[in-house]
Amino acid sequence: MITQTLTIARNALVESLRQPVMLLLVLLCGLMQVFNTWSAGFAMGLEDSGEVEGDNKLLLDIGLATVFVCGTILAAFIATATLSREIENKTVLTVVSKPIGRPLVILGKYLGVSGAILLAVSSMMLFLLICIRHGVLSTASDDPDMPVITLGLAAVVIPLALAAWCNFFYNWNFPQVAVMLILPCSLIAYLLALKLNAKWEWQDLSKEFKPQITTACLCLALGMLVLTAVALAASTRLTQTLTIFLSLGVFLSSLLSNYFVGRYAFKNAPVGMIVVAEPAEPTHAPFDRPGHVYALQLRLPPNRPLPAGTSLYFGQNSNGFDLAVPAFPPFKGDPDKVQDTMGPDTPPGLIVTSAQGDRLTVELIGNSTLGVRRPPAHGDYAFLEPTRTNYVALALWGAFPNTHYFWLLDAVSQNQVVPWSHVGLIGLYAAAQIAVLLALAVVLFQKRDVG
């Protein structure tokens, strides 16, 4: 079974690499990255600390979007070329007529197409990294970085020249050879660009290396694998044109799903963002027992009065998802009386004991522990009620691919470190989406007439 799957994957990979559209989109993406470097100089961005500063933020934004769009179009074209066209031409019958299950055909096709997509997208991202290494010429006094320009041109010209040579003398497939050579040549060019400064002098590789941008590119590649699964599932039933339009439609819808569906999944309104959270006493730091008190400072004063005894919740998300405080009944009584806040009949809760401007004092009350998962911290949002969940919207939002999880541009632009644990969660999300989409592709292809 493994041998059969790998054979199908190898044939799909070779067939994908031989598609002229692959080389065309890789070169087009590289050319657009050059245009992005020129045009981003009019962004008038502010200088601040981070891996990208000023106009380079716009360059990174447009550059990643260019890779995303080109990769989506490429995935749709390649998926239809390897499956939909074979179904129309009846050539897939030569495979399924043998003792090979249709699920193995889908799995093998996906592995082959994904390998080709990763090869092409990696080249596109290296073009982007080379352009970021050069940077935007924001002023007339900025000089072009000739080592980067020279190495970038060589990373394209040398593979094309070698591919033309092999095609002329050995009759090798030109797009296949060119695409396979562009990736290693681009990688070598990028590493040399990191090693050389603008004066052709050697420098430390880590001086110009952007680890967070590289992490963002890695997560974007995971998103491309999900969109590849979408295109392959569509190609089991649709023609090439419809598959391309459906893939682009899913891509655009996944970018808008947070607005049209996601915002209705959880209903809650924050009263402010916590910027300072300190325990009233060192023994109150765990914030896990009745009587523990914390002093909070919000970024802005609350937009409504918070009388003593008001319930309080907090969590990391502005929509109220995954609150650190479980739901509890509203407090009834006098917050200044101990018998009301700590009495045997008082249910556990978290209340505001005083509020002056942007400063709050909160206390855990009740006859038992509330079960707060952690103390409040900087960056948490404060709420006055538990979050209500719309399970229909939540199901639709969760079932549909959400490309926002793979888009880490905001974190890079705001100089926020992306932990590898978060990258691991993104990988698990991508794997789950791919598994569901491939299962859907198997179901659609199982009863498809290919004879």
Protein backbone atom coordinates (compact mmCIF):
# COMPACT_ATOMS: atom_id res chain seq x y z
CA MET A 1 0.00 0.00 0.00
CA ILE A 2 2.80 2.42 0.87
CA THR A 3 4.64 1.59 -2.36
CA GLN A 4 1.52 2.21 -4.44
CA THR A 5 0.83 5.52 -2.70
CA LEU A 6 4.40 6.72 -3.15
CA THR A 7 4.36 5.73 -6.82
CA ILE A 8 1.20 7.76 -7.41
CA ALA A 9 2.71 10.66 -5.43
CA ARG A 10 5.91 10.56 -7.49
CA ASN A 11 4.00 10.60 -10.77
CA ALA A 12 1.80 13.47 -9.53
CA LEU A 13 4.88 15.41 -8.41
CA VAL A 14 6.64 15.00 -11.76
CA GLU A 15 3.48 15.87 -13.67
CA SER A 16 2.95 18.97 -11.53
CA LEU A 17 6.51 20.18 -12.02
CA ARG A 18 6.14 19.84 -15.77
CA GLN A 19 3.18 22.20 -15.89
CA PRO A 20 4.26 25.48 -17.56
CA VAL A 21 1.93 27.42 -15.24
CA MET A 22 4.12 26.50 -12.27
CA LEU A 23 7.24 28.12 -13.69
CA LEU A 24 5.19 31.06 -14.94
CA LEU A 25 3.68 31.80 -11.52
CA VAL A 26 7.01 31.38 -9.71
CA LEU A 27 8.69 33.88 -12.04
CA LEU A 28 5.66 36.18 -11.95
CA CYS A 29 5.72 36.17 -8.14
CA GLY A 30 9.44 37.02 -8.16
CA LEU A 31 8.85 39.89 -10.58
CA MET A 32 5.99 41.22 -8.47
CA GLN A 33 8.22 41.14 -5.38
CA VAL A 34 10.63 43.44 -7.21
CA PHE A 35 7.76 45.80 -8.06
CA ASN A 36 6.61 45.64 -4.42
CA THR A 37 10.07 46.75 -3.29
CA TRP A 38 9.89 49.75 -5.61
CA SER A 39 6.30 50.80 -4.82
CA ALA A 40 6.42 50.35 -1.02
CA GLY A 41 8.65 53.42 -0.74
CA PHE A 42 5.57 55.65 -0.78
CA ALA A 43 4.08 54.16 2.40
CA MET A 44 5.51 56.91 4.65
CA GLY A 45 5.77 54.35 7.45
CA LEU A 46 7.04 55.29 10.91
CA GLU A 47 10.40 54.04 12.12
CA ASP A 48 10.25 51.77 15.15
CA SER A 49 12.01 48.73 16.51
CA GLY A 50 11.37 45.29 15.08
CA GLU A 51 12.40 42.96 12.29
CA VAL A 52 10.65 45.24 9.79
CA GLU A 53 10.53 49.00 10.17
CA GLY A 54 8.94 51.87 8.32
CA ASP A 55 8.20 51.15 4.66
CA ASN A 56 9.45 47.58 4.97
CA LYS A 57 6.27 46.75 6.91
CA LEU A 58 4.22 47.46 3.80
CA LEU A 59 6.71 45.46 1.73
CA LEU A 60 6.23 42.46 4.00
CA ASP A 61 2.45 42.85 3.93
CA ILE A 62 2.19 43.06 0.15
CA GLY A 63 4.89 40.43 -0.33
CA LEU A 64 3.19 37.80 1.82
CA ALA A 65 -0.15 38.55 0.16
CA THR A 66 1.48 38.09 -3.25
CA VAL A 67 2.81 34.68 -2.24
CA PHE A 68 -0.57 33.71 -0.80
CA VAL A 69 -2.52 34.63 -3.94
CA CYS A 70 -0.01 33.12 -6.37
CA GLY A 71 0.16 29.94 -4.31
CA THR A 72 -3.63 29.62 -4.23
CA ILE A 73 -3.92 30.04 -7.99
CA LEU A 74 -1.10 27.57 -8.51
CA ALA A 75 -2.72 24.99 -6.21
CA ALA A 76 -5.97 25.20 -8.18
CA PHE A 77 -4.21 24.80 -11.54
CA ILE A 78 -2.01 21.91 -10.41
CA ALA A 79 -4.81 20.02 -8.66
CA THR A 80 -6.98 20.17 -11.76
CA ALA A 81 -4.08 19.14 -13.99
CA THR A 82 -3.32 16.04 -11.93
CA LEU A 83 -6.85 14.81 -11.17
CA SER A 84 -9.69 16.69 -12.86
CA ARG A 85 -8.11 16.54 -16.30
CA GLU A 86 -7.25 12.86 -15.84
CA ILE A 87 -10.87 12.14 -14.99
CA GLU A 88 -12.06 14.02 -18.08
CA ASN A 89 -9.54 12.24 -20.32
CA LYS A 90 -10.31 8.85 -18.70
CA THR A 91 -6.59 8.30 -17.98
CA VAL A 92 -7.29 7.84 -14.27
CA LEU A 93 -9.13 4.65 -15.22
CA THR A 94 -5.77 2.95 -15.82
CA VAL A 95 -5.00 3.42 -12.11
CA VAL A 96 -8.34 2.72 -10.42
CA SER A 97 -8.94 -0.35 -12.62
CA LYS A 98 -5.99 -2.02 -10.91
CA PRO A 99 -6.17 -3.31 -7.33
CA ILE A 100 -5.57 0.18 -5.97
CA GLY A 101 -8.18 1.76 -3.75
CA ARG A 102 -9.49 5.18 -4.61
CA PRO A 103 -8.49 6.57 -1.18
CA LEU A 104 -4.89 5.70 -2.06
CA VAL A 105 -5.25 7.59 -5.33
CA ILE A 106 -6.44 10.69 -3.48
CA LEU A 107 -3.70 10.42 -0.87
CA GLY A 108 -0.99 9.88 -3.47
CA LYS A 109 -2.21 12.74 -5.63
CA TYR A 110 -2.28 15.05 -2.63
CA LEU A 111 1.24 14.14 -1.55
CA GLY A 112 2.57 14.75 -5.04
CA VAL A 113 0.72 18.03 -5.55
CA SER A 114 1.69 19.23 -2.06
CA GLY A 115 5.34 18.52 -2.77
CA ALA A 116 5.18 20.58 -5.94
CA ILE A 117 3.33 23.40 -4.17
CA LEU A 118 5.87 23.48 -1.34
CA LEU A 119 8.68 23.58 -3.89
CA ALA A 120 7.12 26.54 -5.70
CA VAL A 121 5.98 28.42 -2.58
CA SER A 122 9.41 28.02 -0.97
CA SER A 123 10.96 29.68 -4.02
CA MET A 124 8.40 32.50 -3.82
CA MET A 125 9.14 33.05 -0.14
CA LEU A 126 12.88 33.11 -0.78
CA PHE A 127 12.26 35.83 -3.37
CA LEU A 128 10.37 37.75 -0.67
CA LEU A 129 13.16 37.27 1.87
CA ILE A 130 15.73 38.49 -0.65
CA CYS A 131 13.65 41.61 -1.29
CA ILE A 132 13.28 42.23 2.46
CA ARG A 133 17.03 41.77 2.81
CA HIS A 134 17.45 44.55 0.24
CA GLY A 135 14.82 46.76 1.85
CA VAL A 136 12.81 49.65 0.51
CA LEU A 137 14.66 52.70 -0.82
CA SER A 138 12.62 55.22 1.15
CA THR A 139 14.68 58.31 0.28
CA ALA A 140 16.72 59.53 -2.66
CA SER A 141 19.88 59.17 -0.58
CA ASP A 142 19.41 55.40 -0.20
CA ASP A 143 21.69 53.40 -2.48
CA PRO A 144 20.71 50.05 -4.00
CA ASP A 145 22.27 47.01 -2.38
CA MET A 146 24.22 45.66 -5.34
CA PRO A 147 25.20 42.31 -3.75
CA VAL A 148 21.53 41.52 -3.12
CA ILE A 149 20.51 42.60 -6.63
CA THR A 150 23.31 40.61 -8.24
CA LEU A 151 22.60 37.48 -6.25
CA GLY A 152 18.85 37.78 -6.82
CA LEU A 153 19.29 38.02 -10.59
CA ALA A 154 21.72 35.12 -10.56
CA ALA A 155 19.19 32.98 -8.66
CA VAL A 156 16.82 33.30 -11.64
CA VAL A 157 19.12 33.61 -14.65
CA ILE A 158 21.34 30.62 -13.83
CA PRO A 159 18.46 28.11 -13.41
CA LEU A 160 16.77 29.33 -16.59
CA ALA A 161 20.03 29.08 -18.53
CA LEU A 162 20.74 25.58 -17.22
CA ALA A 163 17.17 24.49 -17.95
CA ALA A 164 17.46 25.80 -21.52
CA TRP A 165 20.77 23.96 -21.93
CA CYS A 166 19.33 20.67 -20.65
CA ASN A 167 16.24 21.06 -22.80
CA PHE A 168 18.24 21.74 -25.96
CA PHE A 169 20.93 19.09 -25.57
CA TYR A 170 19.20 16.39 -23.47
CA ASN A 171 15.53 17.06 -24.28
CA TRP A 172 14.72 17.49 -20.57
CA ASN A 173 11.48 19.23 -19.64
CA PHE A 174 12.24 22.95 -19.37
CA PRO A 175 9.69 23.98 -16.65
CA GLN A 176 10.56 20.98 -14.48
CA VAL A 177 14.31 21.59 -14.55
CA ALA A 178 13.90 25.34 -14.06
CA VAL A 179 11.57 25.04 -11.05
CA MET A 180 13.76 22.41 -9.40
CA LEU A 181 16.88 24.56 -9.84
CA ILE A 182 15.34 27.87 -8.76
CA LEU A 183 14.80 26.70 -5.17
CA PRO A 184 18.40 25.71 -4.34
CA CYS A 185 19.80 28.66 -6.28
CA SER A 186 17.48 31.06 -4.44
CA LEU A 187 18.46 29.54 -1.10
CA ILE A 188 22.16 29.91 -1.88
CA ALA A 189 21.58 33.48 -3.07
CA TYR A 190 19.70 34.36 0.12
CA LEU A 191 22.39 32.89 2.37
CA LEU A 192 25.10 34.78 0.48
CA ALA A 193 23.01 37.96 0.69
CA LEU A 194 22.89 37.53 4.45
CA LYS A 195 26.64 37.01 4.54
CA LEU A 196 27.56 40.04 2.38
CA ASN A 197 26.90 43.68 3.23
CA ALA A 198 26.34 46.48 0.73
CA LYS A 199 30.12 46.96 0.36
CA TRP A 200 30.75 43.31 -0.58
CA GLU A 201 32.24 42.64 2.85
CA TRP A 202 31.62 39.49 4.88
CA GLN A 203 29.37 39.81 7.93
CA ASP A 204 27.64 37.55 10.44
CA LEU A 205 24.64 35.66 9.04
CA SER A 206 22.52 36.53 12.08
CA LYS A 207 22.89 40.28 11.47
CA GLU A 208 20.32 40.39 8.67
CA PHE A 209 18.45 37.15 9.33
CA LYS A 210 14.76 37.62 10.27
CA PRO A 211 13.62 34.64 12.36
CA GLN A 212 10.09 35.90 12.97
CA ILE A 213 9.53 36.60 9.27
CA THR A 214 10.81 33.12 8.50
CA THR A 215 8.34 31.71 11.03
CA ALA A 216 5.52 33.67 9.39
CA CYS A 217 6.53 32.22 6.02
CA LEU A 218 6.49 28.71 7.50
CA CYS A 219 2.96 29.17 8.82
CA LEU A 220 1.85 30.57 5.47
CA ALA A 221 3.19 27.42 3.81
CA LEU A 222 0.96 25.37 6.12
CA GLY A 223 -1.99 27.42 4.92
CA MET A 224 -1.06 26.62 1.33
CA LEU A 225 -1.25 22.90 2.13
CA VAL A 226 -4.81 23.39 3.38
CA LEU A 227 -5.82 25.27 0.22
CA THR A 228 -4.20 22.52 -1.85
CA ALA A 229 -6.48 20.00 -0.14
CA VAL A 230 -9.45 22.25 -0.98
CA ALA A 231 -8.46 22.34 -4.65
CA LEU A 232 -7.94 18.58 -4.79
CA ALA A 233 -11.32 17.88 -3.19
CA ALA A 234 -13.02 20.20 -5.67
CA SER A 235 -11.25 18.63 -8.65
CA THR A 236 -12.82 15.24 -7.90
CA ARG A 237 -16.19 16.51 -9.11
CA LEU A 238 -15.68 19.82 -10.90
CA THR A 239 -14.02 20.81 -14.13
CA GLN A 240 -10.79 22.77 -14.26
CA THR A 241 -12.46 26.18 -14.56
CA LEU A 242 -14.93 25.55 -11.75
CA THR A 243 -12.18 24.17 -9.52
CA ILE A 244 -10.11 27.32 -9.98
CA PHE A 245 -13.07 29.57 -9.20
CA LEU A 246 -14.07 27.48 -6.19
CA SER A 247 -10.53 27.51 -4.81
CA LEU A 248 -10.34 31.29 -5.13
CA GLY A 249 -13.80 31.56 -3.56
CA VAL A 250 -12.75 29.47 -0.57
CA PHE A 251 -9.59 31.55 -0.26
CA LEU A 252 -11.52 34.82 -0.17
CA SER A 253 -14.24 33.40 2.08
CA SER A 254 -11.68 32.11 4.56
CA LEU A 255 -10.27 35.62 4.84
CA LEU A 256 -13.75 37.02 5.56
CA SER A 257 -15.08 34.24 7.80
CA ASN A 258 -14.08 36.06 10.99
CA TYR A 259 -16.26 39.03 10.04
CA PHE A 260 -19.28 37.28 8.55
CA VAL A 261 -19.45 34.26 10.89
CA GLY A 262 -16.81 34.37 13.60
CA ARG A 263 -18.01 37.54 15.28
CA TYR A 264 -21.39 35.91 15.95
CA ALA A 265 -19.92 32.79 17.58
CA PHE A 266 -19.11 34.48 20.90
CA LYS A 267 -21.05 37.42 22.30
CA ASN A 268 -19.48 39.59 24.98
CA ALA A 269 -18.34 43.20 25.26
CA PRO A 270 -15.16 44.13 27.15
CA VAL A 271 -15.16 47.14 29.43
CA GLY A 272 -11.41 47.64 29.11
CA MET A 273 -7.98 46.12 28.70
CA ILE A 274 -5.82 45.39 31.73
CA VAL A 275 -2.39 47.01 31.58
CA VAL A 276 -1.33 46.47 35.21
CA ALA A 277 -2.35 43.64 37.56
CA GLU A 278 -0.81 43.42 41.03
CA PRO A 279 -1.82 41.40 44.11
CA ALA A 280 -2.78 43.43 47.17
CA GLU A 281 -0.46 41.21 49.25
CA PRO A 282 2.21 38.69 48.26
CA THR A 283 0.08 35.84 49.58
CA HIS A 284 -2.71 36.85 47.17
CA ALA A 285 -0.54 36.28 44.07
CA PRO A 286 -1.98 32.82 43.21
CA PHE A 287 -5.49 34.33 43.16
CA ASP A 288 -7.15 31.00 43.84
CA ARG A 289 -8.89 31.40 47.21
CA PRO A 290 -11.70 33.55 48.62
CA GLY A 291 -10.35 36.79 50.04
CA HIS A 292 -7.55 37.20 47.50
CA VAL A 293 -7.48 40.76 46.17
CA TYR A 294 -5.91 42.21 43.02
CA ALA A 295 -5.43 45.85 41.99
CA LEU A 296 -6.04 46.39 38.27
CA GLN A 297 -5.35 49.32 35.99
CA LEU A 298 -7.15 49.55 32.66
CA ARG A 299 -5.82 51.21 29.55
CA LEU A 300 -8.81 53.59 29.58
CA PRO A 301 -11.53 54.26 32.16
CA PRO A 302 -14.53 51.92 31.76
CA ASN A 303 -17.26 53.13 29.45
CA ARG A 304 -19.86 52.47 32.15
CA PRO A 305 -20.02 52.84 35.94
CA LEU A 306 -18.82 49.84 37.96
CA PRO A 307 -20.43 49.96 41.41
CA ALA A 308 -19.07 47.82 44.21
CA GLY A 309 -20.34 44.26 43.91
CA THR A 310 -20.26 44.17 40.10
CA SER A 311 -19.25 40.80 38.68
CA LEU A 312 -15.96 40.69 36.76
CA TYR A 313 -14.51 38.25 34.24
CA PHE A 314 -11.25 38.38 32.32
CA GLY A 315 -9.56 36.57 29.44
CA GLN A 316 -7.07 36.97 26.62
CA ASN A 317 -9.57 37.38 23.77
CA SER A 318 -11.56 40.52 23.08
CA ASN A 319 -14.64 38.50 22.07
CA GLY A 320 -14.77 36.72 25.42
CA PHE A 321 -13.65 33.31 24.20
CA ASP A 322 -11.89 31.09 26.74
CA LEU A 323 -12.40 33.25 29.82
CA ALA A 324 -10.15 32.47 32.77
CA VAL A 325 -13.10 32.87 35.15
CA PRO A 326 -15.97 30.34 35.11
CA ALA A 327 -19.56 31.54 35.18
CA PHE A 328 -21.02 32.35 38.58
CA PRO A 329 -24.27 33.90 39.87
CA PRO A 330 -24.36 37.69 40.42
CA PHE A 331 -23.43 38.84 43.91
CA LYS A 332 -26.30 39.89 46.16
CA GLY A 333 -25.43 41.70 49.33
CA ASP A 334 -23.19 44.41 50.73
CA PRO A 335 -19.58 44.08 49.47
CA ASP A 336 -18.38 45.91 52.59
CA LYS A 337 -19.78 43.25 54.94
CA VAL A 338 -17.67 40.16 55.49
CA GLN A 339 -20.71 38.04 56.33
CA ASP A 340 -22.09 38.81 52.87
CA THR A 341 -18.88 38.22 50.91
CA MET A 342 -17.54 35.27 52.91
CA GLY A 343 -20.71 33.86 54.45
CA PRO A 344 -21.56 30.16 54.31
CA ASP A 345 -24.45 30.85 51.93
CA THR A 346 -22.43 33.08 49.56
CA PRO A 347 -21.67 31.35 46.25
CA PRO A 348 -18.12 31.78 44.88
CA GLY A 349 -17.52 34.72 42.57
CA LEU A 350 -15.26 37.60 41.54
CA ILE A 351 -16.48 41.13 42.20
CA VAL A 352 -15.32 44.71 41.96
CA THR A 353 -14.85 46.18 45.42
CA SER A 354 -13.85 49.69 44.28
CA ALA A 355 -13.51 51.58 40.99
CA GLN A 356 -11.87 54.98 40.57
CA GLY A 357 -11.21 56.06 37.00
CA ASP A 358 -9.10 53.44 35.28
CA ARG A 359 -8.18 51.63 38.52
CA LEU A 360 -10.15 48.72 39.91
CA THR A 361 -9.87 46.53 42.97
CA VAL A 362 -11.28 43.03 42.60
CA GLU A 363 -11.75 40.27 45.16
CA LEU A 364 -12.61 36.59 45.15
CA ILE A 365 -15.61 35.91 47.38
CA GLY A 366 -17.74 32.97 48.47
CA ASN A 367 -17.70 29.94 50.71
CA SER A 368 -15.50 27.90 48.34
CA THR A 369 -12.98 28.36 45.56
CA LEU A 370 -14.30 29.66 42.24
CA GLY A 371 -11.87 27.77 40.03
CA VAL A 372 -10.13 30.72 38.39
CA ARG A 373 -7.48 29.23 36.11
CA ARG A 374 -4.91 32.00 36.62
CA PRO A 375 -4.51 35.53 37.99
CA PRO A 376 -5.28 38.53 35.76
CA ALA A 377 -2.35 39.71 33.66
CA HIS A 378 -1.26 42.46 31.30
CA GLY A 379 -3.15 42.27 28.01
CA ASP A 380 -6.26 40.61 29.42
CA TYR A 381 -9.70 41.99 28.63
CA ALA A 382 -12.18 42.68 31.44
CA PHE A 383 -15.87 41.71 31.11
CA LEU A 384 -18.94 42.09 33.28
CA GLU A 385 -20.74 38.88 32.29
CA PRO A 386 -19.95 35.38 31.03
CA THR A 387 -19.64 34.86 27.30
CA ARG A 388 -22.67 33.59 25.39
CA THR A 389 -21.94 31.05 22.64
CA ASN A 390 -23.84 30.73 19.36
CA TYR A 391 -23.19 27.07 18.60
CA VAL A 392 -24.55 27.23 15.04
CA ALA A 393 -22.19 30.06 14.11
CA LEU A 394 -19.38 28.34 16.03
CA ALA A 395 -19.88 25.11 14.06
CA LEU A 396 -19.88 26.92 10.72
CA TRP A 397 -16.87 29.00 11.71
CA GLY A 398 -14.91 25.99 12.90
CA ALA A 399 -15.74 23.75 9.95
CA PHE A 400 -14.70 26.28 7.32
CA PRO A 401 -10.94 26.77 6.75
CA ASN A 402 -9.72 29.97 8.40
CA THR A 403 -6.57 31.36 6.79
CA HIS A 404 -6.22 34.02 9.49
CA TYR A 405 -4.51 31.42 11.68
CA PHE A 406 -1.71 31.17 9.12
CA TRP A 407 -1.36 34.94 8.71
CA LEU A 408 1.15 36.13 11.32
CA LEU A 409 1.89 39.49 9.75
CA ASP A 410 0.43 41.50 12.65
CA ALA A 411 2.64 39.72 15.17
CA VAL A 412 5.76 40.41 13.11
CA SER A 413 4.83 44.05 12.44
CA GLN A 414 4.14 44.67 16.13
CA ASN A 415 7.41 42.98 17.14
CA GLN A 416 5.63 40.19 19.01
CA VAL A 417 7.60 36.96 19.33
CA VAL A 418 5.72 33.97 17.90
CA PRO A 419 6.39 30.99 20.21
CA TRP A 420 6.99 27.59 18.67
CA SER A 421 4.12 26.23 20.74
CA HIS A 422 1.82 28.49 18.72
CA VAL A 423 3.39 27.25 15.48
CA GLY A 424 2.72 23.71 16.69
CA LEU A 425 -0.95 24.54 17.27
CA ILE A 426 -1.17 26.01 13.77
CA GLY A 427 0.35 22.79 12.44
CA LEU A 428 -2.24 20.71 14.29
CA TYR A 429 -5.03 22.91 12.93
CA ALA A 430 -3.67 22.52 9.39
CA ALA A 431 -3.40 18.74 9.82
CA ALA A 432 -7.00 18.53 11.05
CA GLN A 433 -8.29 20.62 8.13
CA ILE A 434 -6.29 18.58 5.62
CA ALA A 435 -7.59 15.31 7.07
CA VAL A 436 -11.20 16.48 6.83
CA LEU A 437 -10.77 17.80 3.29
CA LEU A 438 -9.04 14.64 2.09
CA ALA A 439 -11.83 12.56 3.65
CA LEU A 440 -14.32 14.71 1.74
CA ALA A 441 -12.30 14.20 -1.44
CA VAL A 442 -12.40 10.42 -0.94
CA VAL A 443 -16.18 10.50 -0.44
CA LEU A 444 -16.68 12.59 -3.58
CA PHE A 445 -14.30 10.47 -5.66
CA GLN A 446 -15.58 7.11 -4.40
CA LYS A 447 -18.73 7.13 -6.55
CA ARG A 448 -17.34 9.21 -9.41
CA ASP A 449 -17.74 7.56 -12.79
CA VAL A 450 -14.31 7.52 -14.41
CA GLY A 451 -15.02 4.99 -17.16
